[in-house]
């Protein structure tokens, strides 16, 4: 097999330059540059100062483009949805922010996230090269990338010095834990202890656990959820806040605070409802005069319409970045897969939201009561909807939701008087994020096979990984 076929480069590095392989005793020496290796030594090849500076600038620009592209794409779709929503607002009702203020805020957030990822990439590459130059390539190979990731982590502060990113930090921590567990599964020493982590349906199990906390908090304690995520749930949960308050009152065993507001809400929809203040289960609060089954079906179609605009940028924006080369050769195939993925993920979200209300109604009717534990139990099987998603996306979604569930859980626990010492910690999110990125970049350097290829492609594209020779020039000269 030729070097071109196996992905290797038939070249030898001498004094920072690549040369063709030399012939010795009638045979060619094996290629010494490879684009695929388990130990990523980013500074293995000596670089001139201009090359080092170019690599830092290139990584910074690419990091900025990813951060600004992703945040800007999501902001664009959000603004378009806002403009459409403002046109349908009833007279006299206005948004908290004007359209111009919302656009200015979106541009500001886009630039902040671009600077965040651009600075992270530039700092990571700079620290990697500085440590390699001062301590030697091979002597620092085992810990240099970890240190570079750790030092680059505080770049998160560029998104806003007073902006907490607990959810993001916990999510990155979950990603680091997954990569570490994959390394443990490979390990002869820790492989037997990590075997339970190979369970085929572990992602769905995590989603069910996360759903129990997230959806319970959505109904009972929304303040424990991040503001943006709370807004997301309120939109796709499809229920007025007065309805949620009514369910919370009956689940908490408290007198109803305002049944009139619920009746008024249904009257505004053209449905006349008279609620019983002595009710034991909140089905009439949740879906008025509809039966549980009819409500679940009608809610599903409404939820699907709401879900489509959410997943269009999720699939199309990365397609423009990750598959930018393939779009020129096979645009219809890539865009077709993106649209199919959008339809499938929208189906997941609509089934997830509609089944949440269906499961609660079913359980409440079976046991003829509504309590806080019943709400937590009823929302747990909602996570089974994740089985609709593509297998490769399930772990991503479950970890994303688990991060929010963990944050919500600890917020509830702290408000209840537990873990009160954590209230005094400032910017713990930056510390967690920095440690997590250090672990991730360390795995990227030394255990590349635990990454999915699409992530490796993006990381390699950003950091400009050079081919590594089998022998350093210093070793060859000796």
Protein backbone atom coordinates (compact mmCIF):
# COMPACT_ATOMS: atom_id res chain seq x y z
CA UNK A 1 0.00 0.00 0.00
CA UNK A 2 1.41 3.37 -0.97
CA UNK A 3 1.82 6.21 1.45
CA UNK A 4 -0.94 8.08 -0.33
CA UNK A 5 -3.29 5.17 0.26
CA UNK A 6 -2.63 4.74 3.95
CA UNK A 7 -2.78 8.47 4.73
CA UNK A 8 0.96 8.82 5.37
CA UNK A 9 3.27 11.33 3.82
CA UNK A 10 6.37 9.86 2.26
CA UNK A 11 8.69 12.51 3.57
CA UNK A 12 11.44 12.92 6.10
CA UNK A 13 11.90 15.96 8.31
CA UNK A 14 15.34 17.54 8.57
CA UNK A 15 15.92 20.99 9.98
CA UNK A 16 12.25 21.80 9.89
CA UNK A 17 11.80 20.79 6.21
CA UNK A 18 10.26 17.69 4.59
CA UNK A 19 12.37 15.71 2.10
CA UNK A 20 11.64 12.62 0.00
CA UNK A 21 12.66 9.30 1.52
CA UNK A 22 16.24 8.28 0.84
CA UNK A 23 17.23 5.02 -0.78
CA UNK A 24 19.46 2.78 1.32
CA UNK A 25 20.71 -0.71 0.26
CA UNK A 26 18.26 -0.73 -2.60
CA UNK A 27 15.28 -0.04 -0.34
CA UNK A 28 13.42 3.07 0.58
CA UNK A 29 13.33 4.13 4.19
CA UNK A 30 9.84 4.05 5.68
CA UNK A 31 7.90 7.31 5.71
CA UNK A 32 8.61 9.40 8.75
CA UNK A 33 5.70 11.88 8.54
CA UNK A 34 2.22 10.68 9.44
CA UNK A 35 -1.10 12.52 9.69
CA UNK A 36 -2.54 9.94 12.10
CA UNK A 37 -0.88 9.07 15.40
CA UNK A 38 -1.76 8.36 18.98
CA UNK A 39 0.65 10.84 20.60
CA UNK A 40 -0.03 14.32 19.32
CA UNK A 41 3.16 16.34 19.66
CA UNK A 42 2.08 19.69 18.27
CA UNK A 43 5.58 21.16 18.33
CA UNK A 44 7.48 18.06 17.23
CA UNK A 45 8.69 19.71 14.05
CA UNK A 46 10.96 22.69 14.62
CA UNK A 47 9.27 25.80 13.28
CA UNK A 48 10.67 29.14 12.36
CA UNK A 49 9.42 32.14 14.32
CA UNK A 50 7.21 33.20 11.42
CA UNK A 51 5.69 29.72 11.25
CA UNK A 52 4.97 29.75 14.98
CA UNK A 53 3.34 33.16 14.80
CA UNK A 54 1.35 32.09 11.74
CA UNK A 55 0.07 29.03 13.60
CA UNK A 56 -1.06 31.15 16.57
CA UNK A 57 -2.82 33.66 14.32
CA UNK A 58 -4.42 30.95 12.21
CA UNK A 59 -5.74 29.10 15.26
CA UNK A 60 -7.12 32.35 16.69
CA UNK A 61 -8.89 33.30 13.47
CA UNK A 62 -10.38 29.83 13.02
CA UNK A 63 -11.49 29.70 16.64
CA UNK A 64 -13.13 33.11 16.25
CA UNK A 65 -14.90 32.00 13.08
CA UNK A 66 -16.34 28.92 14.81
CA UNK A 67 -17.47 30.84 17.90
CA UNK A 68 -18.95 33.73 15.94
CA UNK A 69 -20.42 31.40 13.30
CA UNK A 70 -22.25 29.15 15.74
CA UNK A 71 -23.45 31.93 18.03
CA UNK A 72 -24.26 34.19 15.10
CA UNK A 73 -26.21 31.47 13.31
CA UNK A 74 -28.32 30.75 16.36
CA UNK A 75 -28.81 34.48 16.96
CA UNK A 76 -29.92 34.98 13.35
CA UNK A 77 -32.63 32.35 13.58
CA UNK A 78 -33.65 33.73 16.98
CA UNK A 79 -34.02 37.24 15.54
CA UNK A 80 -36.02 35.96 12.56
CA UNK A 81 -38.34 34.11 14.93
CA UNK A 82 -38.65 37.25 17.04
CA UNK A 83 -39.55 39.40 14.04
CA UNK A 84 -42.19 36.89 13.05
CA UNK A 85 -43.53 36.77 16.60
CA UNK A 86 -43.72 40.55 16.99
CA UNK A 87 -45.91 40.81 13.90
CA UNK A 88 -48.48 38.51 15.50
CA UNK A 89 -48.52 40.26 18.90
CA UNK A 90 -51.92 41.66 19.93
CA UNK A 91 -52.24 45.46 19.99
CA UNK A 92 -50.91 47.05 23.15
CA UNK A 93 -48.53 44.18 24.00
CA UNK A 94 -44.85 44.97 23.51
CA UNK A 95 -41.61 43.03 23.91
CA UNK A 96 -39.17 43.81 26.72
CA UNK A 97 -36.51 44.71 24.12
CA UNK A 98 -37.06 46.53 20.86
CA UNK A 99 -35.96 44.81 17.65
CA UNK A 100 -32.95 47.12 17.28
CA UNK A 101 -31.87 46.41 20.86
CA UNK A 102 -32.26 42.67 20.31
CA UNK A 103 -30.13 42.84 17.13
CA UNK A 104 -27.45 44.90 18.89
CA UNK A 105 -27.38 42.39 21.77
CA UNK A 106 -27.11 39.48 19.31
CA UNK A 107 -24.16 41.12 17.53
CA UNK A 108 -22.48 41.78 20.88
CA UNK A 109 -22.93 38.18 22.03
CA UNK A 110 -21.68 36.89 18.67
CA UNK A 111 -18.48 38.93 18.95
CA UNK A 112 -17.97 37.86 22.57
CA UNK A 113 -18.22 34.16 21.75
CA UNK A 114 -15.96 34.64 18.75
CA UNK A 115 -13.36 36.33 20.95
CA UNK A 116 -13.77 33.60 23.56
CA UNK A 117 -13.01 30.70 21.21
CA UNK A 118 -10.46 32.69 19.23
CA UNK A 119 -8.54 33.58 22.39
CA UNK A 120 -8.83 30.01 23.68
CA UNK A 121 -7.33 28.60 20.48
CA UNK A 122 -4.59 31.22 20.29
CA UNK A 123 -3.67 30.85 23.96
CA UNK A 124 -3.60 27.07 23.73
CA UNK A 125 -1.24 27.08 20.74
CA UNK A 126 0.98 29.80 22.27
CA UNK A 127 1.39 28.00 25.60
CA UNK A 128 2.03 24.70 23.83
CA UNK A 129 4.85 26.21 21.77
CA UNK A 130 6.36 28.21 24.65
CA UNK A 131 6.55 25.19 26.96
CA UNK A 132 7.96 23.05 24.14
CA UNK A 133 10.64 25.65 23.42
CA UNK A 134 11.64 26.05 27.06
CA UNK A 135 11.34 22.48 28.30
CA UNK A 136 11.95 20.40 25.23
CA UNK A 137 9.51 18.57 22.98
CA UNK A 138 9.79 15.07 24.36
CA UNK A 139 10.41 15.95 28.01
CA UNK A 140 7.14 17.91 28.19
CA UNK A 141 5.06 15.78 25.83
CA UNK A 142 3.10 14.01 28.60
CA UNK A 143 1.86 17.15 30.38
CA UNK A 144 2.35 20.08 28.05
CA UNK A 145 -1.05 19.86 26.31
CA UNK A 146 -2.83 19.46 29.66
CA UNK A 147 -1.18 22.64 30.92
CA UNK A 148 -1.97 24.51 27.70
CA UNK A 149 -5.65 23.58 27.96
CA UNK A 150 -5.71 24.58 31.63
CA UNK A 151 -4.20 28.00 30.97
CA UNK A 152 -6.46 28.65 27.96
CA UNK A 153 -9.63 27.87 29.97
CA UNK A 154 -10.09 31.33 31.59
CA UNK A 155 -10.73 32.70 28.09
CA UNK A 156 -14.35 32.04 29.03
CA UNK A 157 -14.29 35.36 30.92
CA UNK A 158 -14.35 37.16 27.56
CA UNK A 159 -18.04 36.26 27.20
CA UNK A 160 -18.66 38.71 30.05
CA UNK A 161 -16.87 39.08 33.41
CA UNK A 162 -20.17 38.89 35.31
CA UNK A 163 -21.79 36.27 33.09
CA UNK A 164 -21.97 32.86 34.73
CA UNK A 165 -21.68 29.85 32.43
CA UNK A 166 -22.37 27.08 34.92
CA UNK A 167 -24.33 25.02 32.39
CA UNK A 168 -21.56 25.25 29.78
CA UNK A 169 -18.90 24.37 32.37
CA UNK A 170 -20.84 21.34 33.59
CA UNK A 171 -21.48 20.21 30.01
CA UNK A 172 -17.77 20.41 29.16
CA UNK A 173 -17.09 18.53 32.41
CA UNK A 174 -19.48 15.80 31.24
CA UNK A 175 -17.65 15.65 27.91
CA UNK A 176 -14.31 15.35 29.71
CA UNK A 177 -15.74 12.57 31.89
CA UNK A 178 -16.92 10.67 28.81
CA UNK A 179 -13.49 10.91 27.19
CA UNK A 180 -11.79 9.88 30.43
CA UNK A 181 -14.12 6.90 30.74
CA UNK A 182 -13.32 5.83 27.17
CA UNK A 183 -9.64 5.98 28.05
CA UNK A 184 -10.41 3.92 31.14
CA UNK A 185 -12.26 1.30 29.09
CA UNK A 186 -9.17 0.93 26.90
CA UNK A 187 -6.87 0.66 29.89
CA UNK A 188 -5.80 -2.78 31.09
CA UNK A 189 -5.64 -1.49 34.66
CA UNK A 190 -9.04 0.25 34.80
CA UNK A 191 -10.90 -1.54 32.01
CA UNK A 192 -12.84 -3.89 34.29
CA UNK A 193 -14.01 -1.03 36.49
CA UNK A 194 -15.22 0.98 33.51
CA UNK A 195 -17.08 -1.92 31.88
CA UNK A 196 -20.54 -0.79 33.13
CA UNK A 197 -20.00 2.44 31.16
CA UNK A 198 -20.24 0.47 27.91
CA UNK A 199 -23.97 -0.23 28.45
CA UNK A 200 -25.69 0.16 25.08
CA UNK A 201 -28.64 2.22 26.35
CA UNK A 202 -26.80 4.25 28.96
CA UNK A 203 -27.52 7.46 27.05
CA UNK A 204 -31.28 6.92 27.28
CA UNK A 205 -30.96 6.08 30.99
CA UNK A 206 -29.10 9.37 31.59
CA UNK A 207 -31.76 11.22 29.61
CA UNK A 208 -34.52 9.76 31.79
CA UNK A 209 -32.69 10.86 34.96
CA UNK A 210 -32.09 14.33 33.54
CA UNK A 211 -35.71 14.65 32.40
CA UNK A 212 -37.01 13.89 35.87
CA UNK A 213 -35.08 16.82 37.35
CA UNK A 214 -35.45 19.27 34.45
CA UNK A 215 -39.19 18.84 33.89
CA UNK A 216 -39.92 18.77 37.61
CA UNK A 217 -38.03 22.06 37.93
CA UNK A 218 -39.91 23.42 34.92
CA UNK A 219 -43.20 22.86 36.76
CA UNK A 220 -42.17 23.35 40.39
CA UNK A 221 -39.10 25.63 40.53
CA UNK A 222 -38.19 27.40 37.32
CA UNK A 223 -35.73 29.68 39.11
CA UNK A 224 -33.33 26.74 39.39
CA UNK A 225 -32.93 26.64 35.59
CA UNK A 226 -30.72 28.91 33.46
CA UNK A 227 -32.67 31.83 32.02
CA UNK A 228 -32.20 30.85 28.38
CA UNK A 229 -33.09 27.23 29.07
CA UNK A 230 -36.13 28.30 31.09
CA UNK A 231 -37.27 30.37 28.11
CA UNK A 232 -36.73 27.34 25.85
CA UNK A 233 -38.84 25.12 28.11
CA UNK A 234 -41.61 27.69 28.44
CA UNK A 235 -41.82 27.92 24.67
CA UNK A 236 -41.77 24.20 23.91
CA UNK A 237 -43.64 23.20 27.05
CA UNK A 238 -46.55 24.98 25.42
CA UNK A 239 -48.29 26.01 28.64
CA UNK A 240 -49.10 29.40 30.11
CA UNK A 241 -47.36 30.24 33.38
CA UNK A 242 -50.73 30.35 35.16
CA UNK A 243 -51.26 26.67 34.23
CA UNK A 244 -47.86 25.72 35.60
CA UNK A 245 -48.61 27.60 38.80
CA UNK A 246 -51.88 25.69 39.16
CA UNK A 247 -50.10 22.33 38.78
CA UNK A 248 -47.44 23.48 41.26
CA UNK A 249 -50.11 24.46 43.81
CA UNK A 250 -51.88 21.10 43.69
CA UNK A 251 -48.60 19.12 43.70
CA UNK A 252 -47.32 21.09 46.71
CA UNK A 253 -50.59 20.60 48.61
CA UNK A 254 -51.12 24.37 48.76
CA UNK A 255 -54.36 26.28 48.12
CA UNK A 256 -54.76 27.49 44.56
CA UNK A 257 -53.34 30.98 44.16
CA UNK A 258 -55.25 32.09 41.08
CA UNK A 259 -57.62 29.72 39.27
CA UNK A 260 -59.28 32.72 37.66
CA UNK A 261 -56.13 33.42 35.62
CA UNK A 262 -56.22 29.88 34.23
CA UNK A 263 -59.88 30.22 33.29
CA UNK A 264 -59.16 33.59 31.72
CA UNK A 265 -56.32 32.06 29.69
CA UNK A 266 -58.58 29.36 28.28
CA UNK A 267 -61.30 31.93 27.57
CA UNK A 268 -58.77 33.91 25.50
CA UNK A 269 -58.32 30.75 23.40
CA UNK A 270 -62.06 30.42 22.91
CA UNK A 271 -62.49 27.60 25.45
CA UNK A 272 -64.89 28.01 28.35
CA UNK A 273 -63.55 26.18 31.41
CA UNK A 274 -64.85 26.09 34.98
CA UNK A 275 -62.24 24.70 37.36
CA UNK A 276 -63.06 22.92 40.60
CA UNK A 277 -61.03 24.31 43.55
CA UNK A 278 -61.33 20.90 45.28
CA UNK A 279 -59.85 18.88 42.40
CA UNK A 280 -57.34 16.11 43.25
CA UNK A 281 -55.65 15.78 39.85
CA UNK A 282 -54.78 18.72 37.56
CA UNK A 283 -55.89 17.28 34.18
CA UNK A 284 -58.52 20.00 33.66
CA UNK A 285 -55.86 22.60 34.46
CA UNK A 286 -53.40 21.12 31.94
CA UNK A 287 -55.73 20.63 28.98
CA UNK A 288 -59.07 22.19 29.81
CA UNK A 289 -62.07 20.35 28.36
CA UNK A 290 -59.97 18.03 26.18
CA UNK A 291 -59.41 14.40 27.07
CA UNK A 292 -55.86 13.35 27.93
CA UNK A 293 -55.44 11.39 24.68
CA UNK A 294 -56.79 14.12 22.39
CA UNK A 295 -54.65 16.69 24.15
CA UNK A 296 -51.51 14.58 23.71
CA UNK A 297 -52.17 14.19 19.97
CA UNK A 298 -52.99 17.85 19.31
CA UNK A 299 -50.05 18.99 21.44
CA UNK A 300 -47.72 16.78 19.37
CA UNK A 301 -48.53 18.55 16.09
CA UNK A 302 -48.18 21.96 17.70
CA UNK A 303 -44.85 20.93 19.25
CA UNK A 304 -43.53 19.72 15.88
CA UNK A 305 -44.16 23.15 14.34
CA UNK A 306 -42.30 24.77 17.20
CA UNK A 307 -39.39 22.32 16.96
CA UNK A 308 -38.54 22.77 13.26
CA UNK A 309 -37.04 26.29 13.59
CA UNK A 310 -34.90 25.06 16.49
CA UNK A 311 -33.11 22.32 14.57
CA UNK A 312 -32.63 24.04 11.22
CA UNK A 313 -29.57 26.00 12.45
CA UNK A 314 -28.36 23.02 14.50
CA UNK A 315 -27.91 21.02 11.29
CA UNK A 316 -27.34 23.62 8.59
CA UNK A 317 -24.78 25.86 10.33
CA UNK A 318 -22.35 23.00 11.18
CA UNK A 319 -22.84 21.65 7.65
CA UNK A 320 -21.49 24.92 6.28
CA UNK A 321 -18.46 24.73 8.60
CA UNK A 322 -17.60 21.04 8.93
CA UNK A 323 -18.62 19.92 5.43
CA UNK A 324 -17.56 23.07 3.62
CA UNK A 325 -15.45 21.12 1.11
CA UNK A 326 -18.06 18.44 0.51
CA UNK A 327 -20.76 21.03 -0.24
CA UNK A 328 -18.95 21.91 -3.47
CA UNK A 329 -18.92 18.29 -4.66
CA UNK A 330 -22.24 16.90 -3.35
CA UNK A 331 -24.42 19.75 -2.07
CA UNK A 332 -27.74 17.92 -2.50
CA UNK A 333 -26.57 14.89 -0.54
CA UNK A 334 -25.26 16.92 2.41
CA UNK A 335 -28.22 19.32 2.50
CA UNK A 336 -30.62 16.38 2.14
CA UNK A 337 -29.07 14.70 5.17
CA UNK A 338 -29.32 17.98 7.05
CA UNK A 339 -33.03 18.31 6.28
CA UNK A 340 -33.63 14.66 7.19
CA UNK A 341 -31.78 15.19 10.46
CA UNK A 342 -33.86 18.30 11.13
CA UNK A 343 -37.10 16.35 10.61
CA UNK A 344 -35.91 13.50 12.83
CA UNK A 345 -34.70 15.72 15.67
CA UNK A 346 -37.90 17.77 15.49
CA UNK A 347 -39.82 14.53 15.85
CA UNK A 348 -37.80 13.71 18.96
CA UNK A 349 -38.44 17.08 20.58
CA UNK A 350 -42.16 17.05 19.79
CA UNK A 351 -42.57 13.50 21.13
CA UNK A 352 -40.52 14.44 24.18
CA UNK A 353 -42.70 17.46 25.02
CA UNK A 354 -46.05 15.85 24.26
CA UNK A 355 -45.17 12.65 26.14
CA UNK A 356 -44.20 14.72 29.20
CA UNK A 357 -47.78 15.90 29.60
CA UNK A 358 -49.20 12.51 28.60
CA UNK A 359 -47.13 10.62 31.18
CA UNK A 360 -48.13 13.03 33.96
CA UNK A 361 -51.83 12.72 33.10
CA UNK A 362 -51.64 8.91 32.96
CA UNK A 363 -49.85 8.62 36.31
CA UNK A 364 -52.10 11.14 38.03
CA UNK A 365 -55.20 9.26 36.85
CA UNK A 366 -53.83 5.86 37.89
CA UNK A 367 -52.99 6.93 41.45
CA UNK A 368 -55.72 9.59 41.69
CA UNK A 369 -53.39 12.14 43.24
CA UNK A 370 -50.71 14.69 42.33
CA UNK A 371 -47.68 15.18 44.55
CA UNK A 372 -44.10 16.37 44.05
CA UNK A 373 -42.69 12.78 43.99
CA UNK A 374 -45.40 11.84 41.48
CA UNK A 375 -44.33 14.70 39.21
CA UNK A 376 -40.69 13.53 39.38
CA UNK A 377 -41.68 9.92 38.62
CA UNK A 378 -44.06 10.85 35.81
CA UNK A 379 -41.51 12.98 33.98
CA UNK A 380 -38.77 10.32 34.13
CA UNK A 381 -40.01 8.07 31.24
CA UNK A 382 -40.18 11.16 29.02
CA UNK A 383 -36.50 10.55 28.32
CA UNK A 384 -37.39 7.41 26.36
CA UNK A 385 -38.20 9.72 23.44
CA UNK A 386 -34.43 10.00 22.92
CA UNK A 387 -34.56 6.59 21.18
CA UNK A 388 -35.97 8.42 18.14
CA UNK A 389 -32.71 10.31 17.69
CA UNK A 390 -29.73 9.05 15.76
CA UNK A 391 -27.44 6.95 17.98
CA UNK A 392 -24.47 9.26 17.53
CA UNK A 393 -26.51 12.24 18.79
CA UNK A 394 -28.05 10.56 21.82
CA UNK A 395 -25.04 10.91 24.09
CA UNK A 396 -24.68 14.57 23.06
CA UNK A 397 -28.28 15.38 23.98
CA UNK A 398 -28.26 13.35 27.18
CA UNK A 399 -25.07 15.03 28.41
CA UNK A 400 -26.44 18.45 27.49
CA UNK A 401 -29.61 17.81 29.49
CA UNK A 402 -27.71 16.13 32.32
CA UNK A 403 -25.56 19.25 32.73
CA UNK A 404 -28.67 21.37 33.18
CA UNK A 405 -30.22 18.81 35.49
CA UNK A 406 -27.14 18.79 37.73
CA UNK A 407 -27.10 22.59 37.87
CA UNK A 408 -30.82 22.68 38.70
CA UNK A 409 -30.46 19.97 41.35
CA UNK A 410 -27.66 21.77 43.20
CA UNK A 411 -29.49 25.08 42.95
CA UNK A 412 -32.55 23.49 44.57
CA UNK A 413 -30.37 21.84 47.21
CA UNK A 414 -28.58 25.11 48.05
CA UNK A 415 -31.89 26.97 48.28
CA UNK A 416 -33.12 24.26 50.65
CA UNK A 417 -30.13 24.85 52.96
CA UNK A 418 -27.77 22.13 51.70
CA UNK A 419 -24.28 22.85 50.31
CA UNK A 420 -24.56 26.44 51.54
CA UNK A 421 -20.76 26.75 51.47
CA UNK A 422 -20.84 26.73 47.66
CA UNK A 423 -22.60 30.10 47.68
CA UNK A 424 -19.29 31.77 48.53
CA UNK A 425 -17.50 30.36 45.48
CA UNK A 426 -17.03 32.96 42.75
CA UNK A 427 -16.54 31.92 39.12
CA UNK A 428 -16.41 28.25 39.92
CA UNK A 429 -17.63 27.80 36.35
CA UNK A 430 -14.28 29.07 35.04
CA UNK A 431 -12.36 26.66 37.28
CA UNK A 432 -14.49 23.69 36.21
CA UNK A 433 -14.27 24.71 32.55
CA UNK A 434 -10.48 25.10 32.69
CA UNK A 435 -9.93 21.70 34.32
CA UNK A 436 -12.31 20.07 31.88
CA UNK A 437 -10.67 21.58 28.79
CA UNK A 438 -7.30 20.47 30.16
CA UNK A 439 -8.54 16.87 30.33
CA UNK A 440 -10.13 17.08 26.88
CA UNK A 441 -7.02 18.50 25.23
CA UNK A 442 -4.85 15.94 27.03
CA UNK A 443 -7.02 13.16 25.59
CA UNK A 444 -6.83 14.88 22.22
CA UNK A 445 -3.06 14.78 22.42
CA UNK A 446 -2.51 11.24 23.68
CA UNK A 447 -5.70 9.25 23.13
CA UNK A 448 -7.00 10.56 19.83
CA UNK A 449 -8.94 7.40 19.05
CA UNK A 450 -11.44 8.13 21.85
CA UNK A 451 -12.72 11.12 19.83
CA UNK A 452 -15.26 10.86 17.07
CA UNK A 453 -13.80 11.70 13.68
CA UNK A 454 -15.96 14.82 13.20
CA UNK A 455 -14.55 16.35 16.40
CA UNK A 456 -11.02 15.45 15.45
CA UNK A 457 -11.50 17.09 12.06
CA UNK A 458 -12.63 20.34 13.67
CA UNK A 459 -9.86 20.33 16.31
CA UNK A 460 -7.18 19.51 13.74
CA UNK A 461 -8.51 22.24 11.47
CA UNK A 462 -8.40 24.85 14.23
CA UNK A 463 -5.03 23.98 15.76
CA UNK A 464 -3.26 23.17 12.50
CA UNK A 465 -1.72 19.89 13.61
CA UNK A 466 1.52 19.29 11.71
CA UNK A 467 2.69 15.77 10.71
CA UNK A 468 4.94 14.19 13.37
CA UNK A 469 8.18 12.45 12.44
CA UNK A 470 9.01 9.10 14.04
CA UNK A 471 12.30 10.52 15.23
CA UNK A 472 13.17 13.99 16.36
CA UNK A 473 16.04 15.65 14.50
CA UNK A 474 18.04 15.67 17.73
CA UNK A 475 17.73 11.90 18.05
CA UNK A 476 18.65 11.33 14.41
CA UNK A 477 21.80 13.46 14.74
CA UNK A 478 22.91 11.47 17.79
